[in-house]
Amino acid sequence: MSALRLATRAVVRSALAVARPSTRAYGGGAAPPTVDQLTQHIVSLLSYNSSLDGKAIQANSHLINDLGLDSLDVVEFVVAVEDEFNVELPDGEAETIFTPKQAAELVSKYHP
């Protein structure tokens, strides 16, 4: 894991604990969530990001081009997704996340 992601992980965890209640809905003995369910959940995570100012977030909204996130915002988003679903995404694959749906597909691939 890159040093930037490690440092960002600590900051994001503390910010998330204050910014919103946990919305963890998956785990335990429940059936694995579908990619569509994961996508909806990830879209709701993005809605907590105050910098989005009510922008319409869709499954295929590009994090940078459509939503205006910068590279640090994207890293924070990936860390928030990892924490929300208790999964660690490989750096090489995490760097390919540009939409909520792409994040959901990777979570689905690596979710325990």
Protein backbone atom coordinates (compact mmCIF):
# COMPACT_ATOMS: atom_id res chain seq x y z
CA MET A 1 0.00 0.00 0.00
CA SER A 2 1.40 3.39 -0.92
CA ALA A 3 2.48 5.83 1.77
CA LEU A 4 -0.10 8.34 0.55
CA ARG A 5 -2.92 5.82 0.94
CA LEU A 6 -1.69 4.84 4.42
CA ALA A 7 -1.54 8.45 5.55
CA THR A 8 -4.86 9.27 3.94
CA ARG A 9 -6.53 6.23 5.50
CA ALA A 10 -5.91 7.54 9.03
CA VAL A 11 -7.23 11.00 8.19
CA VAL A 12 -10.29 9.68 6.38
CA ARG A 13 -11.20 7.26 9.17
CA SER A 14 -11.24 10.03 11.75
CA ALA A 15 -13.19 12.37 9.46
CA LEU A 16 -15.77 9.72 8.62
CA ALA A 17 -16.33 8.91 12.27
CA VAL A 18 -17.35 12.52 12.83
CA ALA A 19 -18.99 13.29 9.49
CA ARG A 20 -21.61 10.57 9.30
CA PRO A 21 -22.98 7.55 11.05
CA SER A 22 -21.90 4.17 9.74
CA THR A 23 -24.03 2.92 6.89
CA ARG A 24 -22.46 -0.54 6.81
CA ALA A 25 -25.20 -2.81 5.58
CA TYR A 26 -23.34 -5.87 4.41
CA GLY A 27 -21.39 -8.59 6.11
CA GLY A 28 -21.90 -11.42 8.51
CA GLY A 29 -23.99 -14.31 7.25
CA ALA A 30 -25.97 -12.31 4.70
CA ALA A 31 -25.85 -13.13 1.01
CA PRO A 32 -23.17 -11.17 -0.84
CA PRO A 33 -24.51 -7.88 -2.19
CA THR A 34 -24.94 -7.46 -5.92
CA VAL A 35 -22.89 -4.93 -7.87
CA ASP A 36 -26.05 -2.81 -8.21
CA GLN A 37 -26.58 -2.83 -4.44
CA LEU A 38 -22.95 -1.95 -3.86
CA THR A 39 -23.17 0.83 -6.43
CA GLN A 40 -26.21 2.36 -4.72
CA HIS A 41 -24.46 2.18 -1.38
CA ILE A 42 -21.31 3.79 -2.80
CA VAL A 43 -23.36 6.57 -4.40
CA SER A 44 -24.83 7.26 -0.95
CA LEU A 45 -21.30 7.43 0.49
CA LEU A 46 -20.41 10.06 -2.09
CA SER A 47 -23.50 12.07 -1.18
CA TYR A 48 -21.93 12.70 2.24
CA ASN A 49 -19.07 14.55 0.55
CA SER A 50 -19.83 18.22 1.20
CA SER A 51 -17.71 19.39 -1.74
CA LEU A 52 -20.21 17.87 -4.17
CA ASP A 53 -22.83 20.50 -3.27
CA GLY A 54 -25.84 18.45 -4.28
CA LYS A 55 -24.54 17.35 -7.67
CA ALA A 56 -26.50 14.48 -9.17
CA ILE A 57 -24.40 11.37 -8.63
CA GLN A 58 -25.01 8.45 -10.97
CA ALA A 59 -23.44 5.00 -11.14
CA ASN A 60 -21.31 6.09 -14.09
CA SER A 61 -20.52 9.64 -12.92
CA HIS A 62 -16.81 10.24 -13.46
CA LEU A 63 -15.33 11.27 -10.13
CA ILE A 64 -13.05 13.90 -11.66
CA ASN A 65 -14.74 15.01 -14.89
CA ASP A 66 -18.38 14.93 -13.75
CA LEU A 67 -18.15 15.45 -9.99
CA GLY A 68 -15.09 17.71 -9.89
CA LEU A 69 -13.10 15.71 -7.35
CA ASP A 70 -9.34 16.16 -7.34
CA SER A 71 -6.81 13.35 -7.03
CA LEU A 72 -6.66 13.57 -3.22
CA ASP A 73 -10.48 13.45 -3.07
CA VAL A 74 -10.39 10.28 -5.17
CA VAL A 75 -7.83 8.67 -2.82
CA GLU A 76 -10.01 9.65 0.15
CA PHE A 77 -13.04 8.17 -1.62
CA VAL A 78 -11.23 4.87 -2.24
CA VAL A 79 -10.13 4.69 1.40
CA ALA A 80 -13.69 5.44 2.55
CA VAL A 81 -15.00 2.63 0.32
CA GLU A 82 -12.37 0.23 1.68
CA ASP A 83 -13.33 1.11 5.25
CA GLU A 84 -17.06 0.94 4.59
CA PHE A 85 -16.88 -2.56 3.14
CA ASN A 86 -13.92 -3.80 5.21
CA VAL A 87 -11.88 -4.63 2.13
CA GLU A 88 -8.39 -3.70 0.95
CA LEU A 89 -8.19 -2.99 -2.76
CA PRO A 90 -4.82 -3.48 -4.46
CA ASP A 91 -3.22 -0.13 -5.32
CA GLY A 92 -2.95 -0.95 -9.02
CA GLU A 93 -6.64 -1.72 -9.26
CA ALA A 94 -7.75 1.06 -6.90
CA GLU A 95 -6.07 3.54 -9.24
CA THR A 96 -8.49 2.48 -12.00
CA ILE A 97 -11.57 3.62 -10.07
CA PHE A 98 -13.17 6.60 -11.77
CA THR A 99 -16.88 5.90 -11.19
CA PRO A 100 -19.01 4.56 -8.33
CA LYS A 101 -19.82 1.49 -10.43
CA GLN A 102 -16.12 0.71 -10.95
CA ALA A 103 -15.64 0.94 -7.18
CA ALA A 104 -18.57 -1.43 -6.66
CA GLU A 105 -17.15 -3.94 -9.13
CA LEU A 106 -13.83 -4.00 -7.28
CA VAL A 107 -15.51 -4.27 -3.89
CA SER A 108 -17.54 -7.18 -5.23
CA LYS A 109 -14.35 -8.84 -6.43
CA TYR A 110 -12.50 -8.49 -3.11
CA HIS A 111 -15.32 -8.42 -0.52
CA PRO A 112 -14.92 -11.25 2.00
